[in-house]
Protein backbone atom coordinates (compact mmCIF):
# COMPACT_ATOMS: atom_id res chain seq x y z
CA UNK A 1 95.99 103.62 94.12
CA UNK A 2 92.87 105.31 92.71
CA UNK A 3 91.85 108.95 93.02
CA UNK A 4 94.88 109.91 95.08
CA UNK A 5 94.93 113.33 96.73
CA UNK A 6 97.96 115.33 97.86
CA UNK A 7 97.67 113.89 101.38
CA UNK A 8 98.01 110.38 99.92
CA UNK A 9 101.15 111.28 98.00
CA UNK A 10 102.78 112.78 101.07
CA UNK A 11 101.97 109.64 103.06
CA UNK A 12 103.67 107.53 100.41
CA UNK A 13 106.67 109.85 100.30
CA UNK A 14 107.27 109.30 104.01
CA UNK A 15 107.75 105.54 103.52
CA UNK A 16 109.09 105.49 99.95
CA UNK A 17 112.82 105.01 100.57
CA UNK A 18 112.76 101.29 101.57
CA UNK A 19 110.31 100.56 98.76
CA UNK A 20 112.43 102.10 96.00
CA UNK A 21 115.73 100.73 97.27
CA UNK A 22 117.20 98.36 94.71
CA UNK A 23 114.46 98.76 92.11
CA UNK A 24 116.87 100.38 89.64
CA UNK A 25 120.48 99.60 88.81
CA UNK A 26 123.29 101.98 89.64
CA UNK A 27 123.81 104.85 89.18
CA UNK A 28 120.06 105.44 88.89
CA UNK A 29 119.33 103.85 92.27
CA UNK A 30 121.56 106.35 94.08
CA UNK A 31 120.07 109.34 92.25
CA UNK A 32 116.50 108.26 93.05
CA UNK A 33 117.22 107.56 96.73
CA UNK A 34 119.05 110.88 97.14
CA UNK A 35 116.10 112.70 95.61
CA UNK A 36 113.50 110.87 97.73
CA UNK A 37 115.37 111.59 100.97
CA UNK A 38 115.75 115.27 100.09
CA UNK A 39 112.11 115.52 99.05
CA UNK A 40 111.02 113.99 102.37
CA UNK A 41 113.32 116.39 104.24
CA UNK A 42 111.94 119.37 102.33
CA UNK A 43 108.37 118.23 102.93
CA UNK A 44 108.95 117.78 106.67
CA UNK A 45 110.48 121.25 106.95
CA UNK A 46 107.62 122.78 104.96
CA UNK A 47 105.01 121.21 107.26
CA UNK A 48 106.61 122.20 110.60
CA UNK A 49 104.24 124.05 112.91
CA UNK A 50 107.05 125.88 114.69
CA UNK A 51 110.08 127.34 112.92
CA UNK A 52 113.17 129.09 114.22
CA UNK A 53 115.81 131.08 112.38
CA UNK A 54 117.97 127.96 112.38
CA UNK A 55 115.36 125.67 110.84
CA UNK A 56 114.45 128.29 108.24
CA UNK A 57 118.10 128.58 107.22
CA UNK A 58 118.21 124.81 106.80
CA UNK A 59 114.94 124.97 104.85
CA UNK A 60 116.39 127.52 102.42
CA UNK A 61 119.53 125.44 101.85
CA UNK A 62 117.45 122.26 101.44
CA UNK A 63 115.25 123.98 98.85
CA UNK A 64 118.28 124.93 96.77
CA UNK A 65 119.66 121.42 97.14
CA UNK A 66 116.32 119.95 96.06
CA UNK A 67 116.40 121.95 92.83
CA UNK A 68 119.88 120.64 92.08
CA UNK A 69 118.80 117.04 92.66
CA UNK A 70 115.68 117.46 90.53
CA UNK A 71 117.83 118.61 87.62
CA UNK A 72 120.18 115.70 88.18
CA UNK A 73 117.21 113.31 88.18
CA UNK A 74 115.88 114.79 84.93
CA UNK A 75 119.29 114.64 83.24
CA UNK A 76 120.69 111.33 84.44
CA UNK A 77 117.61 109.16 84.97
CA UNK A 78 114.61 110.37 83.00
CA UNK A 79 116.46 110.55 79.68
CA UNK A 80 117.48 106.90 79.96
CA UNK A 81 114.00 105.38 80.24
CA UNK A 82 111.04 105.27 77.88
CA UNK A 83 107.91 106.07 79.88
CA UNK A 84 104.40 105.97 78.43
CA UNK A 85 100.88 106.75 79.47
CA UNK A 86 99.12 104.35 81.78
CA UNK A 87 96.25 102.39 80.18
CA UNK A 88 93.81 104.44 82.26
CA UNK A 89 95.37 107.69 81.01
CA UNK A 90 95.24 106.46 77.43
CA UNK A 91 91.59 105.48 77.82
CA UNK A 92 90.72 108.86 79.36
CA UNK A 93 92.43 110.66 76.50
CA UNK A 94 90.49 108.52 74.03
CA UNK A 95 87.21 109.44 75.70
CA UNK A 96 88.06 113.13 75.58
CA UNK A 97 88.96 112.87 71.90
CA UNK A 98 85.73 111.00 71.10
CA UNK A 99 83.62 113.52 73.03
CA UNK A 100 85.31 116.40 71.24
CA UNK A 101 84.78 114.75 67.85
CA UNK A 102 81.09 114.24 68.61
CA UNK A 103 80.76 117.84 69.72
CA UNK A 104 82.46 119.12 66.57
CA UNK A 105 80.29 116.87 64.41
CA UNK A 106 77.11 118.26 65.96
CA UNK A 107 78.45 121.76 65.53
CA UNK A 108 79.19 121.02 61.88
CA UNK A 109 75.66 119.77 61.31
CA UNK A 110 74.21 122.96 62.76
CA UNK A 111 76.47 125.03 60.55
CA UNK A 112 75.48 122.88 57.58
CA UNK A 113 71.79 123.53 58.16
CA UNK A 114 72.40 127.24 58.27
CA UNK A 115 74.40 127.08 55.06
CA UNK A 116 71.88 124.96 53.06
CA UNK A 117 70.51 127.99 51.27
CA UNK A 118 74.03 128.87 50.21
CA UNK A 119 74.75 125.45 48.68
CA UNK A 120 76.99 124.13 51.46
CA UNK A 121 74.63 121.47 52.79
CA UNK A 122 77.08 118.60 52.50
CA UNK A 123 79.87 120.23 54.43
CA UNK A 124 80.72 118.86 57.91
CA UNK A 125 83.67 119.82 60.05
CA UNK A 126 83.12 116.97 62.51
CA UNK A 127 84.03 114.05 60.28
CA UNK A 128 86.19 111.51 62.04
CA UNK A 129 86.95 109.37 59.04
CA UNK A 130 90.60 108.55 58.56
CA UNK A 131 91.57 109.16 62.17
CA UNK A 132 94.55 107.13 63.36
CA UNK A 133 93.94 104.57 66.11
CA UNK A 134 94.69 105.59 69.67
CA UNK A 135 98.31 104.93 70.64
CA UNK A 136 99.88 105.56 74.03
CA UNK A 137 101.93 108.73 74.11
CA UNK A 138 105.35 109.16 75.63
CA UNK A 139 105.30 110.90 79.02
CA UNK A 140 108.37 112.90 79.92
CA UNK A 141 109.31 114.42 83.26
CA UNK A 142 109.09 118.19 83.07
CA UNK A 143 110.60 120.76 85.41
CA UNK A 144 108.79 123.62 83.68
CA UNK A 145 105.64 123.48 85.79
CA UNK A 146 104.26 125.97 88.27
CA UNK A 147 104.26 123.48 91.13
CA UNK A 148 107.99 122.92 90.74
CA UNK A 149 108.60 126.64 90.40
CA UNK A 150 106.59 127.38 93.57
CA UNK A 151 108.76 125.13 95.76
CA UNK A 152 111.36 127.86 95.96
CA UNK A 153 108.88 130.33 97.46
CA UNK A 154 108.06 128.33 100.61
CA UNK A 155 110.87 129.57 102.90
CA UNK A 156 110.21 133.22 102.04
CA UNK A 157 106.46 132.79 102.49
CA UNK A 158 106.95 131.21 105.92
CA UNK A 159 109.15 134.11 106.99
CA UNK A 160 106.51 136.53 105.74
CA UNK A 161 103.21 134.88 106.75
CA UNK A 162 104.11 132.19 109.30
CA UNK A 163 104.06 128.40 109.23
CA UNK A 164 101.97 126.70 106.56
CA UNK A 165 99.46 125.17 109.00
CA UNK A 166 98.19 128.72 109.65
CA UNK A 167 96.75 129.05 106.16
CA UNK A 168 96.68 125.51 104.74
CA UNK A 169 93.30 124.16 103.71
CA UNK A 170 94.32 120.59 104.50
CA UNK A 171 92.90 120.60 108.03
CA UNK A 172 89.40 121.35 106.83
CA UNK A 173 89.70 119.08 103.82
CA UNK A 174 90.58 116.07 105.96
CA UNK A 175 87.24 116.36 107.76
CA UNK A 176 85.38 117.52 104.66
CA UNK A 177 86.02 114.20 102.93
CA UNK A 178 83.77 112.41 105.46
CA UNK A 179 80.94 114.80 104.72
CA UNK A 180 81.47 114.36 100.98
CA UNK A 181 81.23 110.61 101.41
CA UNK A 182 77.89 110.98 103.18
CA UNK A 183 76.66 113.54 100.65
CA UNK A 184 76.99 111.03 97.83
CA UNK A 185 74.38 108.84 99.56
CA UNK A 186 71.74 111.55 99.82
CA UNK A 187 69.16 112.68 97.28
CA UNK A 188 70.79 116.16 97.28
CA UNK A 189 67.68 117.70 98.91
CA UNK A 190 67.71 118.64 102.59
CA UNK A 191 71.04 116.83 102.71
CA UNK A 192 72.07 118.21 106.14
CA UNK A 193 69.40 116.17 107.90
CA UNK A 194 70.24 113.08 105.84
CA UNK A 195 73.96 113.37 106.60
CA UNK A 196 73.19 113.65 110.33
CA UNK A 197 71.04 110.52 110.18
CA UNK A 198 73.79 108.65 108.36
CA UNK A 199 76.31 109.63 111.01
CA UNK A 200 74.02 108.41 113.81
CA UNK A 201 73.29 105.20 111.93
CA UNK A 202 76.99 104.54 111.42
CA UNK A 203 77.64 104.99 115.14
CA UNK A 204 74.83 102.58 115.99
CA UNK A 205 76.14 99.94 113.61
CA UNK A 206 79.64 100.34 115.03
CA UNK A 207 78.42 99.76 118.58
CA UNK A 208 76.23 96.81 117.62
CA UNK A 209 79.15 95.28 115.75
CA UNK A 210 81.41 95.80 118.74
CA UNK A 211 78.90 94.11 121.05
CA UNK A 212 78.49 91.14 118.69
CA UNK A 213 82.26 90.71 118.38
CA UNK A 214 82.60 90.77 122.15
CA UNK A 215 79.99 88.02 122.50
CA UNK A 216 81.74 85.94 119.86
CA UNK A 217 85.06 86.35 121.64
CA UNK A 218 83.57 85.29 124.95
CA UNK A 219 82.00 82.25 123.29
CA UNK A 220 85.30 81.31 121.66
CA UNK A 221 87.12 81.48 125.00
CA UNK A 222 84.47 79.37 126.70
CA UNK A 223 84.41 76.78 123.95
CA UNK A 224 86.64 73.81 124.63
CA UNK A 225 88.88 72.17 122.07
CA UNK A 226 90.70 73.61 119.08
CA UNK A 227 89.38 73.90 115.52
CA UNK A 228 90.51 71.49 112.88
CA UNK A 229 93.54 72.75 110.97
CA UNK A 230 93.22 74.02 107.41
CA UNK A 231 94.85 71.37 105.24
CA UNK A 232 95.46 73.91 102.49
CA UNK A 233 98.24 75.52 104.53
CA UNK A 234 101.72 74.20 105.05
CA UNK A 235 102.65 72.39 108.23
CA UNK A 236 104.84 75.32 109.24
CA UNK A 237 101.87 77.68 109.08
CA UNK A 238 99.71 75.33 111.16
CA UNK A 239 101.80 75.64 114.30
CA UNK A 240 99.42 76.86 116.98
CA UNK A 241 100.47 79.28 119.70
CA UNK A 242 99.96 76.55 122.29
CA UNK A 243 102.45 74.22 120.60
CA UNK A 244 104.98 77.04 120.43
CA UNK A 245 104.73 77.75 124.14
CA UNK A 246 102.84 80.24 126.26
CA UNK A 247 103.26 83.72 124.74
CA UNK A 248 104.49 86.73 126.66
CA UNK A 249 101.81 89.07 125.31
CA UNK A 250 98.05 89.03 125.70
CA UNK A 251 95.87 88.06 122.77
CA UNK A 252 93.55 90.44 120.98
CA UNK A 253 90.52 88.90 122.71
CA UNK A 254 91.84 89.66 126.21
CA UNK A 255 90.33 92.85 127.62
CA UNK A 256 92.70 95.13 129.52
CA UNK A 257 91.18 98.63 129.33
CA UNK A 258 92.97 101.77 130.44
CA UNK A 259 90.92 104.61 131.96
CA UNK A 260 91.88 108.15 131.05
CA UNK A 261 94.82 109.61 132.93
CA UNK A 262 96.39 113.08 133.14
CA UNK A 263 98.69 113.84 130.19
CA UNK A 264 101.35 115.03 132.64
CA UNK A 265 102.09 111.41 133.57
CA UNK A 266 104.92 109.93 131.52
CA UNK A 267 103.31 106.52 131.04
CA UNK A 268 100.30 104.51 132.05
CA UNK A 269 99.86 100.75 132.52
CA UNK A 270 96.69 99.11 133.80
CA UNK A 271 96.44 98.48 137.55
CA UNK A 272 94.69 95.17 136.93
CA UNK A 273 96.08 91.92 138.33
CA UNK A 274 93.79 89.79 136.18
CA UNK A 275 96.39 88.27 133.86
CA UNK A 276 99.30 86.69 135.68
CA UNK A 277 101.87 83.96 135.20
CA UNK A 278 103.63 81.78 137.69
CA UNK A 279 107.27 82.41 136.80
CA UNK A 280 108.40 78.83 137.37
CA UNK A 281 105.53 77.25 135.45
CA UNK A 282 105.84 79.69 132.56
CA UNK A 283 109.56 79.12 132.15
CA UNK A 284 109.03 75.35 132.34
CA UNK A 285 106.44 75.54 129.57
CA UNK A 286 108.94 77.42 127.39
CA UNK A 287 112.14 75.71 128.48
CA UNK A 288 113.37 75.22 124.90
CA UNK A 289 112.78 78.82 123.87
CA UNK A 290 116.11 80.60 123.27
CA UNK A 291 114.57 83.98 124.08
CA UNK A 292 113.93 82.94 127.69
CA UNK A 293 117.50 81.91 128.43
CA UNK A 294 118.54 83.47 131.77
CA UNK A 295 115.21 85.29 131.93
CA UNK A 296 114.98 85.43 135.73
CA UNK A 297 118.65 86.37 136.41
CA UNK A 298 118.51 89.21 133.89
CA UNK A 299 115.15 90.40 135.21
CA UNK A 300 116.42 90.44 138.79
CA UNK A 301 119.55 92.32 137.72
CA UNK A 302 117.32 94.94 136.12
CA UNK A 303 115.00 95.26 139.13
CA UNK A 304 117.83 95.33 141.68
CA UNK A 305 119.52 98.17 139.80
CA UNK A 306 116.28 100.16 139.88
CA UNK A 307 115.74 99.50 143.58
CA UNK A 308 119.31 100.64 144.27
CA UNK A 309 118.71 103.85 142.32
CA UNK A 310 121.48 103.15 139.81
CA UNK A 311 121.46 105.19 136.62
CA UNK A 312 120.47 103.09 133.63
CA UNK A 313 123.46 101.95 131.59
CA UNK A 314 121.97 99.14 129.55
CA UNK A 315 121.75 96.69 132.47
CA UNK A 316 125.40 95.80 132.06
CA UNK A 317 125.91 95.17 135.78
CA UNK A 318 125.54 91.57 136.94
CA UNK A 319 124.61 90.81 140.54
CA UNK A 320 125.70 87.75 142.47
CA UNK A 321 123.40 84.80 143.06
CA UNK A 322 123.12 85.77 146.71
CA UNK A 323 122.01 89.29 145.80
CA UNK A 324 119.49 87.88 143.35
CA UNK A 325 118.03 85.56 145.97
CA UNK A 326 117.38 88.60 148.15
CA UNK A 327 114.79 89.78 145.61
CA UNK A 328 111.54 87.83 145.91
CA UNK A 329 108.55 87.86 143.56
CA UNK A 330 105.42 87.98 145.70
CA UNK A 331 103.43 84.77 145.04
CA UNK A 332 106.11 83.96 142.42
CA UNK A 333 104.02 85.88 139.87
CA UNK A 334 104.48 88.45 137.15
CA UNK A 335 101.43 90.22 135.72
CA UNK A 336 100.80 90.78 132.02
CA UNK A 337 99.30 93.80 130.32
CA UNK A 338 98.05 94.56 126.86
CA UNK A 339 98.84 98.24 126.35
CA UNK A 340 101.17 100.92 127.63
CA UNK A 341 100.61 104.58 126.88
CA UNK A 342 103.56 106.95 126.60
CA UNK A 343 103.00 110.70 126.98
CA UNK A 344 105.68 113.03 125.68
CA UNK A 345 106.28 116.66 124.75
CA UNK A 346 106.60 117.39 121.04
CA UNK A 347 109.03 119.78 119.40
CA UNK A 348 106.38 122.54 119.41
CA UNK A 349 105.62 122.22 123.15
CA UNK A 350 102.47 120.13 122.81
CA UNK A 351 101.65 116.95 124.67
CA UNK A 352 101.20 113.82 122.55
CA UNK A 353 100.60 110.17 123.28
CA UNK A 354 101.64 106.83 121.79
CA UNK A 355 99.69 103.64 122.56
CA UNK A 356 102.11 100.72 122.40
CA UNK A 357 101.41 97.01 122.44
CA UNK A 358 103.48 93.92 121.55
CA UNK A 359 101.23 92.94 118.64
CA UNK A 360 100.88 95.94 116.36
CA UNK A 361 102.80 98.96 117.76
CA UNK A 362 105.77 97.46 119.53
CA UNK A 363 108.82 99.52 118.53
CA UNK A 364 110.20 102.15 120.90
CA UNK A 365 113.18 104.48 121.19
CA UNK A 366 115.17 105.33 124.31
CA UNK A 367 117.95 107.83 124.90
CA UNK A 368 121.31 106.31 124.05
CA UNK A 369 123.87 105.79 126.79
CA UNK A 370 126.73 106.23 124.33
CA UNK A 371 129.27 109.04 124.40
CA UNK A 372 127.75 111.46 121.89
CA UNK A 373 131.16 112.87 121.07
CA UNK A 374 132.54 109.49 120.05
CA UNK A 375 132.81 108.24 116.50
CA UNK A 376 129.67 106.53 115.13
CA UNK A 377 127.64 107.65 118.14
CA UNK A 378 123.86 107.82 117.86
CA UNK A 379 121.32 109.60 120.09
CA UNK A 380 118.91 106.67 120.43
CA UNK A 381 118.66 102.97 121.09
CA UNK A 382 115.81 100.99 119.54
CA UNK A 383 113.87 98.01 120.88
CA UNK A 384 110.74 95.96 120.18
CA UNK A 385 108.37 95.29 123.06
CA UNK A 386 107.85 91.57 123.62
CA UNK A 387 105.82 91.81 126.82
CA UNK A 388 104.38 94.41 129.20
CA UNK A 389 104.54 93.36 132.84
CA UNK A 390 104.46 94.43 136.43
CA UNK A 391 105.51 92.50 139.50
CA UNK A 392 105.23 92.88 143.25
CA UNK A 393 108.72 92.43 144.61
CA UNK A 394 110.14 92.25 148.10
CA UNK A 395 113.79 93.09 148.70
CA UNK A 396 115.27 91.55 151.85
CA UNK A 397 118.75 91.46 153.30
CA UNK A 398 121.31 93.98 154.45
CA UNK A 399 121.27 96.04 151.23
CA UNK A 400 117.49 96.46 151.26
CA UNK A 401 116.09 99.96 151.83
CA UNK A 402 112.64 98.61 152.64
CA UNK A 403 111.27 95.10 152.98
CA UNK A 404 107.74 96.17 152.12
CA UNK A 405 106.45 94.72 148.82
CA UNK A 406 106.26 97.26 146.02
CA UNK A 407 105.03 97.25 142.45
CA UNK A 408 107.52 97.68 139.60
CA UNK A 409 106.49 98.03 135.96
CA UNK A 410 108.87 96.71 133.33
CA UNK A 411 109.01 95.88 129.63
CA UNK A 412 110.60 92.79 128.14
CA UNK A 413 112.20 93.92 124.88
CA UNK A 414 114.19 92.61 121.96
CA UNK A 415 117.02 94.94 121.05
CA UNK A 416 117.91 96.36 117.66
CA UNK A 417 121.52 97.09 116.78
CA UNK A 418 122.76 99.66 114.28
CA UNK A 419 124.38 98.61 111.02
CA UNK A 420 127.63 100.57 111.14
CA UNK A 421 128.60 99.51 107.61
CA UNK A 422 125.85 101.70 106.14
CA UNK A 423 125.68 105.03 107.97
CA UNK A 424 122.48 107.00 107.81
CA UNK A 425 121.42 110.56 108.40
CA UNK A 426 121.24 113.88 106.60
CA UNK A 427 124.86 113.76 105.46
CA UNK A 428 124.45 110.44 103.62
CA UNK A 429 120.80 111.04 102.63
CA UNK A 430 119.80 107.63 103.94
CA UNK A 431 117.64 106.32 106.76
CA UNK A 432 119.42 104.75 109.72
CA UNK A 433 119.65 101.00 109.18
CA UNK A 434 119.22 98.65 112.13
CA UNK A 435 118.73 94.93 112.69
CA UNK A 436 117.93 92.53 115.50
CA UNK A 437 120.85 91.59 117.74
CA UNK A 438 122.09 88.01 117.37
CA UNK A 439 120.84 85.61 120.04
CA UNK A 440 124.41 84.83 121.11
CA UNK A 441 124.70 88.40 122.39
CA UNK A 442 122.38 90.33 124.71
CA UNK A 443 119.48 90.17 122.28
CA UNK A 444 116.82 90.55 124.99
CA UNK A 445 116.59 92.81 127.98
CA UNK A 446 114.30 94.78 130.26
CA UNK A 447 113.34 98.43 130.26
CA UNK A 448 111.92 100.82 132.80
CA UNK A 449 108.92 102.46 131.05
CA UNK A 450 110.16 105.83 132.32
CA UNK A 451 113.11 105.58 129.90
CA UNK A 452 111.00 105.40 126.73
CA UNK A 453 111.05 108.58 124.66
CA UNK A 454 108.16 107.55 122.41
CA UNK A 455 107.16 104.95 119.84
CA UNK A 456 109.16 104.72 116.62
CA UNK A 457 108.23 103.66 113.09
CA UNK A 458 110.46 100.80 111.94
CA UNK A 459 110.20 99.71 108.27
CA UNK A 460 111.64 96.41 106.98
CA UNK A 461 114.47 96.71 104.47
CA UNK A 462 112.65 94.69 101.82
CA UNK A 463 115.59 94.65 99.41
CA UNK A 464 117.68 92.56 101.82
CA UNK A 465 115.19 89.76 102.50
CA UNK A 466 114.61 87.64 105.61
CA UNK A 467 116.66 85.27 107.74
CA UNK A 468 116.07 82.62 110.40
CA UNK A 469 119.63 82.64 111.75
CA UNK A 470 119.22 85.38 114.34
CA UNK A 471 116.73 83.51 116.53
CA UNK A 472 115.22 80.04 116.51
CA UNK A 473 111.51 79.25 116.99
CA UNK A 474 110.26 81.42 119.82
CA UNK A 475 107.13 82.81 121.45
CA UNK A 476 108.40 86.34 120.85
CA UNK A 477 107.34 86.11 117.20
CA UNK A 478 103.85 85.80 115.81
CA UNK A 479 102.86 82.64 113.93
CA UNK A 480 102.67 84.61 110.67
CA UNK A 481 106.41 85.39 110.86
CA UNK A 482 107.24 81.72 110.16
CA UNK A 483 110.20 81.91 112.56
CA UNK A 484 111.95 84.49 110.39
CA UNK A 485 113.11 88.08 110.80
CA UNK A 486 113.95 90.73 108.27
CA UNK A 487 117.71 91.03 107.93
CA UNK A 488 117.61 94.82 108.24
CA UNK A 489 115.12 97.52 109.17
CA UNK A 490 115.05 101.27 108.61
CA UNK A 491 114.16 103.92 111.18
CA UNK A 492 111.59 106.17 109.56
CA UNK A 493 112.65 109.63 110.68
CA UNK A 494 109.90 111.15 108.51
CA UNK A 495 107.00 109.43 110.31
CA UNK A 496 105.76 112.75 111.71
CA UNK A 497 106.99 116.26 112.45
CA UNK A 498 108.09 115.47 115.99
CA UNK A 499 110.07 112.41 114.89
CA UNK A 500 111.82 114.44 112.20
CA UNK A 501 112.85 117.14 114.68
CA UNK A 502 114.28 114.53 117.05
CA UNK A 503 116.90 113.77 114.40
CA UNK A 504 117.30 117.26 112.95
CA UNK A 505 117.69 118.81 116.40
CA UNK A 506 116.62 122.21 117.64
CA UNK A 507 113.12 121.23 118.75
CA UNK A 508 112.00 123.66 121.45
CA UNK A 509 110.17 120.91 123.32
CA UNK A 510 113.04 118.43 123.17
CA UNK A 511 115.35 118.74 126.14
CA UNK A 512 117.38 115.55 125.84
CA UNK A 513 118.24 115.51 122.16
CA UNK A 514 121.60 116.97 121.19
CA UNK A 515 121.22 119.88 118.79
CA UNK A 516 122.38 119.01 115.31
CA UNK A 517 121.47 122.26 113.59
CA UNK A 518 125.02 123.41 112.91
CA UNK A 519 126.15 120.10 111.44
CA UNK A 520 123.07 119.71 109.27
CA UNK A 521 123.29 123.30 108.05
CA UNK A 522 126.92 122.81 107.11
CA UNK A 523 126.04 119.68 105.14
CA UNK A 524 123.25 121.21 103.07
CA UNK A 525 125.17 124.46 102.56
CA UNK A 526 128.22 122.58 101.29
CA UNK A 527 126.02 120.64 98.88
CA UNK A 528 124.48 123.87 97.64
CA UNK A 529 127.91 125.43 97.04
CA UNK A 530 128.96 122.47 94.93
CA UNK A 531 126.16 123.52 92.63
CA UNK A 532 125.53 122.07 89.28
CA UNK A 533 129.17 121.04 88.79
CA UNK A 534 128.47 117.84 90.70
CA UNK A 535 124.71 117.48 90.64
CA UNK A 536 123.82 118.37 87.07
CA UNK A 537 125.12 116.41 84.11
CA UNK A 538 126.19 118.34 81.06
CA UNK A 539 124.50 117.76 77.74
CA UNK A 540 127.55 115.93 76.41
CA UNK A 541 127.47 113.53 79.36
CA UNK A 542 123.82 112.58 78.95
CA UNK A 543 122.91 110.11 76.24
CA UNK A 544 119.90 111.18 74.24
CA UNK A 545 116.94 108.86 74.51
CA UNK A 546 116.61 106.77 71.36
CA UNK A 547 112.96 106.80 70.36
CA UNK A 548 111.78 104.69 67.39
CA UNK A 549 110.81 106.72 64.35
CA UNK A 550 107.17 105.70 64.46
CA UNK A 551 106.96 106.85 68.07
CA UNK A 552 108.57 110.16 67.20
CA UNK A 553 105.87 110.76 64.61
CA UNK A 554 103.19 110.14 67.21
CA UNK A 555 104.70 112.56 69.70
CA UNK A 556 106.09 115.30 67.48
CA UNK A 557 102.99 117.30 66.72
CA UNK A 558 101.58 118.30 70.08
CA UNK A 559 103.25 118.43 73.47
CA UNK A 560 101.46 117.31 76.62
CA UNK A 561 100.79 120.88 77.73
CA UNK A 562 99.45 121.84 74.30
CA UNK A 563 97.30 118.73 74.21
CA UNK A 564 95.74 119.54 77.57
CA UNK A 565 95.12 123.12 76.46
CA UNK A 566 93.47 121.86 73.28
CA UNK A 567 91.27 119.47 75.23
CA UNK A 568 90.01 122.28 77.41
CA UNK A 569 88.74 124.28 74.42
CA UNK A 570 85.14 123.41 73.68
CA UNK A 571 85.24 120.42 76.02
CA UNK A 572 81.95 120.65 77.83
CA UNK A 573 81.52 118.79 81.09
CA UNK A 574 78.09 117.23 81.59
CA UNK A 575 76.25 118.71 84.59
CA UNK A 576 76.17 115.32 86.30
CA UNK A 577 79.97 115.21 86.31
CA UNK A 578 80.33 118.43 88.29
CA UNK A 579 79.73 116.59 91.55
CA UNK A 580 82.35 114.04 90.59
CA UNK A 581 84.95 116.73 89.90
CA UNK A 582 84.40 118.27 93.33
CA UNK A 583 84.37 114.93 95.11
CA UNK A 584 80.65 114.80 95.89
CA UNK A 585 79.95 111.48 94.19
CA UNK A 586 79.11 108.37 96.13
CA UNK A 587 80.76 105.01 95.64
CA UNK A 588 79.28 103.90 92.35
CA UNK A 589 78.50 100.36 91.29
CA UNK A 590 81.48 100.29 88.94
CA UNK A 591 84.06 101.14 91.57
CA UNK A 592 86.56 98.33 91.69
CA UNK A 593 87.55 98.69 95.31
CA UNK A 594 84.15 99.66 96.63
CA UNK A 595 85.74 102.26 98.88
CA UNK A 596 85.39 105.98 99.09
CA UNK A 597 87.30 108.54 97.10
CA UNK A 598 90.29 108.33 99.39
CA UNK A 599 90.69 104.60 99.06
CA UNK A 600 89.77 104.13 102.72
CA UNK A 601 87.39 101.74 104.38
CA UNK A 602 83.90 103.06 104.92
CA UNK A 603 84.12 102.38 108.64
CA UNK A 604 85.15 105.27 110.86
CA UNK A 605 88.67 105.16 112.21
CA UNK A 606 88.59 104.50 115.93
CA UNK A 607 90.68 103.46 118.85
CA UNK A 608 90.31 99.84 119.80
CA UNK A 609 91.42 97.20 122.29
CA UNK A 610 95.04 97.48 121.11
CA UNK A 611 94.98 101.07 122.40
CA UNK A 612 93.38 100.24 125.74
CA UNK A 613 89.96 101.44 124.57
CA UNK A 614 87.85 98.47 125.70
CA UNK A 615 84.39 99.98 126.16
CA UNK A 616 85.83 102.93 128.10
CA UNK A 617 83.39 105.82 128.14
CA UNK A 618 80.71 104.04 126.07
CA UNK A 619 77.13 105.12 126.72
CA UNK A 620 75.12 101.92 127.00
CA UNK A 621 71.84 103.86 126.87
CA UNK A 622 72.63 105.26 123.43
CA UNK A 623 71.58 102.08 121.63
CA UNK A 624 68.45 101.70 123.74
CA UNK A 625 67.34 105.24 122.97
CA UNK A 626 67.51 104.44 119.27
CA UNK A 627 65.78 101.08 119.60
CA UNK A 628 68.86 98.90 119.14
CA UNK A 629 69.35 97.69 122.71
CA UNK A 630 70.03 93.95 123.15
CA UNK A 631 66.93 91.87 123.81
């Protein structure tokens, strides 16, 4: 949380709602959550790369609504809490005051020397005797700032000049921060050559590290036996994957690379047959796992429906045992995979891709099969990928269209269900709340990869805790979950621009999603018309903050704005600090986190095995050319 830039604050805003839920008592909790949702909505609309007249109308209404909620927040929440400077802010203010006092003292000495002939030698204007000790000041939320005032200009500026990405400096700044990090490690002379060498050196180290890790993984797989357990952990944490059964997903060490494919393809799964399971043996090894109950019958129902060309309806149709026996798994095997890539068209007619895997990016969304005109309908269903498989199946019998074996890709998923007691959306200013389906119902199922819209960002509802009642010990969870699930989750509709437009509606590149523009516009317009009668508390309704008398004395003289203006006068910045102000300082020895200015790891972000990037496209000669080839 150090040296945060605007891009860091917007990232936190996108995930803030579940974090702030329940932190304050009512009615403050409701006011804060309403404001956060509206802020996130406004931010998403402001950052869209393609606007229409409909979205701009919504943007204008949302901007007016945001102003109303900001005034409500200032009146109903801020006046009820005493907020002070952070210790770091207090220390920084103390340093500024000390530097200013020293500067004034030196100035007074110079003036004293000049005035010696006039008999004023003992006069000094820089004396600091009698100064009161530093005390933290009160910090109050202020709406009278330019940044708040400028929020109202965004819709008009977009209509006049186009979307903000056309003239925003953020794109260049995001890459510029890497160069600034390298610049801090140079001697500031001929720095271009030094930065280039650093970049090449970083790439070499990355590749050497990757090769070493691969060797270690191969050695670990070849080594027999298991390591001794850590006695400092509880017995529950010491349960190994082997004792829990054979998992449905591949481990991180397993290599299952995906070569590049055309973006026109909807999805891509490896063609490899390397990792396979005998269905009978695998089910026998996990016979006590509740997640695998009726695994084969449900899988055959799913595959038979696809072979018959039936439209997907949630796999509600059940086939007879005779029909199921007509579907044969070749060699009685199913084949595992590590990654599936989903290509999709974004709201602004671009192609994008999500790399999904059961370990780290497992949540997906599919088009709902509900009647969208019905009450409590929702455009999407949500699921978590448990395993990625393909199988060679042979369909025999009178209903078979072909008895030739064919490959079918499928996903084993765990379904989420919506919490209908807490509706979400733009009308309620809340994220959609979901939770895992109880094991007594159809908690698990199978999906055709063609049905996946894209990956989805699911955030735990931290305020509601965890439970172990939905599902017993199972291979579908990781060991770190301790056989527990979060009671509720939230669907983060603000994860990116495309995700936001899938819920707002009106995305030019979205063909399936029902347009919600009219309903959303009516909601925000109605809220705007209510005006300050509902959103803004009158002075008589707001209790004045009771500040102790001694604190009033400390804060009466100078306001925050006046204090900052005073600090700027005569406050010289040492030349060495200029690089710091512009972000050109390296990670100093006193940095607590040892990271760069953005709080990120020094290593370059890269795609890895979880994205199917297992040494695909690597130039093995690169290391040899630089003298780092393996011996």
